[in-house]
Amino acid sequence: LLYCTGDPPAYAVYDRPDELEIVISTFNMVPEFGPVAGGFNLQLAPDVHKAAEAEPDHFRTAVNRARGVGAGGSTLLQVVVAPTAPFDVSKADLVQDDTTFVAHLPKRDVQAIPQLLVRRV
């Protein structure tokens, strides 16, 4: 369901009776959202403007935990959310604010989920 490249950001998954809610932290990050086949892609990069704004003594994000800003290596983190058959991506509600990205994935009716019928003879 969730695939990450790089260090994963802080996230939480809530299994509600009618939906799956995924909350991904974008704190100190610049998010870029895009659709992919059967789901969506969220790319996160350190917010260099915020890091330079107040010149903090220490600035951490999910992509630079071990490296530090500007220490080389990749500064891009990618999260792909690819829901399986029980979830209806076409009715997903995606909400972004200053520090989080939230995906509400409604659950399909049980009859709408492809079933495998096994008959023994």
Foldseek 3Di string as FASTA:
>chain_A
DKDKDAQAADKDWDDDPFWIKIKGWQVQWDWDKACDVQWIKIKIFGPVCVCPVVVDPADDGRRPPPQGPPNDDDRMMMMTDHDDQQWDRVPWDWDDDDTIIMIITTGDDPVSRDDDDDDDD
